[in-house]
Structures are given as structure tokens and as C-alpha cells.
Amino acid sequence: MFENILGNDKIKETLINSVKNNRASHSYLFIGTEGIGKKLIAKEFAKMILCTDENKYCNKCKSCIEFDTSNNPDFIIIEPDGNSVKIEQIREFQNKVAEKPIISNRKVYIINDADKMTR
């Protein structure tokens, strides 16, 4: 887990333990300067959460395979549309949250650059 990500060992250990102990919170904020790997860590963490294998990082289950090919229906990244995250994107997000997961036991959404959401 997190083999391709250098540094942030304490954070990685905390995230791994939260998944292994089935204590992952409903939301996380990854804060820091641009380019330090926040999105990369968040995506690997999402993959662990969505993995259907009991070891939580098998790279072999349907969820992991579809995650690696960007086809996992239980994982969505919301990116800013232009200079901001638009209200329509959030409305669509709210509708999707109400749906049940398809492959995994959970669903994971990443709002990238959440600081760019408008009022």
C-alpha cells in the first residue's frame, strides 16, 4: 500500500490502520501545498476502502481492477469546472450519494480543489 508514494509515512500509516481496523471516517481533508501528493494519497486510500478483499489491498478483485482502469462506479473525482466547482456539480454529487454502491460496500468521492467551490 502506498508503495509508489514517498514520504508522509505517518499519514500513510494512519490511513492504513483506519482501513484495517474498519475505522475509516466518513470524510477526510487532505491539506497542504500544491504538488505534495495529496490527490495521489487520497486515491490510494480510496482504493483500499473500496477493495472487496479482506486484506484491503489485493489488486486482484473486481473493485481494484476497475479502479486501476478508472472504471469503478463506486469512485468519482469531482474536478473544478474552469476556475471553480460549480453548484450543478455538487447537485449531481448529492444525487449520486443517495445511490447504493455497485461493486464495493462503500462509495468514495474526492472533491479535488474543494477550496474552489462557490457559495
Protein backbone atom coordinates (compact mmCIF):
# COMPACT_ATOMS: atom_id res chain seq x y z
CA MET A 1 0.00 0.00 0.00
CA PHE A 2 1.31 3.41 -0.95
CA GLU A 3 4.47 1.81 -2.40
CA ASN A 4 4.80 4.44 -5.13
CA ILE A 5 4.39 7.38 -2.76
CA LEU A 6 7.47 8.68 -0.97
CA GLY A 7 7.31 10.47 2.36
CA ASN A 8 4.29 11.18 4.54
CA ASP A 9 4.90 7.89 6.35
CA LYS A 10 2.94 8.84 9.48
CA ILE A 11 -0.10 9.86 7.40
CA LYS A 12 0.08 6.69 5.31
CA GLU A 13 0.32 4.54 8.44
CA THR A 14 -2.70 6.28 9.99
CA LEU A 15 -4.79 5.76 6.84
CA ILE A 16 -3.78 2.10 6.51
CA ASN A 17 -4.64 1.41 10.15
CA SER A 18 -8.02 3.12 9.84
CA VAL A 19 -8.97 0.80 6.96
CA LYS A 20 -7.52 -2.36 8.52
CA ASN A 21 -9.34 -1.69 11.79
CA ASN A 22 -12.55 -0.77 9.94
CA ARG A 23 -12.45 2.73 11.43
CA ALA A 24 -12.34 4.87 8.31
CA SER A 25 -14.17 8.14 8.88
CA HIS A 26 -16.91 9.48 6.62
CA SER A 27 -14.67 12.29 5.36
CA TYR A 28 -11.07 13.43 5.26
CA LEU A 29 -9.38 16.70 4.34
CA PHE A 30 -6.01 16.49 2.63
CA ILE A 31 -4.45 19.90 3.10
CA GLY A 32 -1.05 21.20 2.03
CA THR A 33 0.90 22.95 -0.63
CA GLU A 34 0.36 22.07 -4.26
CA GLY A 35 2.33 19.16 -5.65
CA ILE A 36 2.99 17.18 -2.46
CA GLY A 37 0.81 14.20 -3.45
CA LYS A 38 -2.48 14.86 -1.67
CA LYS A 39 -4.60 13.59 -4.55
CA LEU A 40 -2.34 10.58 -5.07
CA ILE A 41 -2.61 9.58 -1.40
CA ALA A 42 -6.37 10.16 -1.45
CA LYS A 43 -6.77 7.91 -4.50
CA GLU A 44 -4.72 5.08 -2.96
CA PHE A 45 -6.72 5.44 0.26
CA ALA A 46 -9.95 5.26 -1.76
CA LYS A 47 -8.73 2.09 -3.46
CA MET A 48 -8.11 0.49 -0.06
CA ILE A 49 -11.58 1.47 1.16
CA LEU A 50 -13.25 0.07 -1.95
CA CYS A 51 -11.26 -3.19 -2.11
CA THR A 52 -13.54 -6.19 -1.57
CA ASP A 53 -10.73 -8.49 -0.38
CA GLU A 54 -10.40 -8.95 3.37
CA ASN A 55 -6.75 -7.78 3.22
CA LYS A 56 -7.94 -4.42 1.81
CA TYR A 57 -5.42 -4.05 -0.98
CA CYS A 58 -5.37 -7.10 -3.18
CA ASN A 59 -5.05 -5.51 -6.66
CA LYS A 60 -6.95 -8.58 -7.91
CA CYS A 61 -10.62 -8.10 -7.02
CA LYS A 62 -13.12 -6.57 -9.42
CA SER A 63 -13.10 -3.30 -7.47
CA CYS A 64 -9.30 -2.94 -7.62
CA ILE A 65 -9.12 -3.83 -11.31
CA GLU A 66 -11.86 -1.38 -12.23
CA PHE A 67 -10.29 1.27 -10.01
CA ASP A 68 -6.96 0.94 -11.82
CA THR A 69 -8.69 1.35 -15.20
CA SER A 70 -10.76 4.33 -13.95
CA ASN A 71 -13.98 2.34 -14.36
CA ASN A 72 -15.05 1.77 -10.76
CA PRO A 73 -18.63 3.04 -10.46
CA ASP A 74 -18.22 3.49 -6.69
CA PHE A 75 -15.43 6.07 -7.10
CA ILE A 76 -15.80 9.57 -8.52
CA ILE A 77 -13.45 12.54 -8.59
CA ILE A 78 -15.09 15.95 -8.83
CA GLU A 79 -12.74 18.39 -10.52
CA PRO A 80 -13.27 22.16 -10.80
CA ASP A 81 -15.08 23.17 -13.97
CA GLY A 82 -13.00 26.14 -15.06
CA ASN A 83 -11.99 28.25 -12.07
CA SER A 84 -14.48 26.76 -9.61
CA VAL A 85 -16.52 23.74 -8.60
CA LYS A 86 -19.98 24.62 -9.88
CA ILE A 87 -23.23 24.23 -7.98
CA GLU A 88 -24.50 21.84 -10.65
CA GLN A 89 -21.55 19.53 -9.96
CA ILE A 90 -22.46 19.49 -6.26
CA ARG A 91 -26.14 18.85 -7.03
CA GLU A 92 -25.16 15.88 -9.19
CA PHE A 93 -22.85 14.70 -6.40
CA GLN A 94 -25.73 14.88 -3.89
CA ASN A 95 -27.93 12.76 -6.15
CA LYS A 96 -25.19 10.14 -6.60
CA VAL A 97 -24.54 9.90 -2.84
CA ALA A 98 -28.08 8.62 -2.32
CA GLU A 99 -27.45 5.64 -4.63
CA LYS A 100 -26.18 2.36 -3.21
CA PRO A 101 -22.67 1.15 -4.10
CA ILE A 102 -22.47 -1.26 -7.03
CA ILE A 103 -19.28 -3.28 -6.50
CA SER A 104 -17.95 -2.39 -3.06
CA ASN A 105 -19.58 -1.97 0.33
CA ARG A 106 -18.94 1.78 0.20
CA LYS A 107 -18.63 4.64 -2.24
CA VAL A 108 -15.81 7.20 -2.32
CA TYR A 109 -15.91 10.70 -3.73
CA ILE A 110 -12.97 13.06 -3.98
CA ILE A 111 -13.65 16.75 -4.40
CA ASN A 112 -10.36 17.95 -5.81
CA ASP A 113 -9.54 21.61 -5.06
CA ALA A 114 -12.58 21.87 -2.76
CA ASP A 115 -11.40 25.35 -1.84
CA LYS A 116 -12.61 26.40 -5.30
CA MET A 117 -16.26 25.68 -4.50
CA THR A 118 -18.51 28.70 -4.91
CA ARG A 119 -21.20 29.80 -2.46
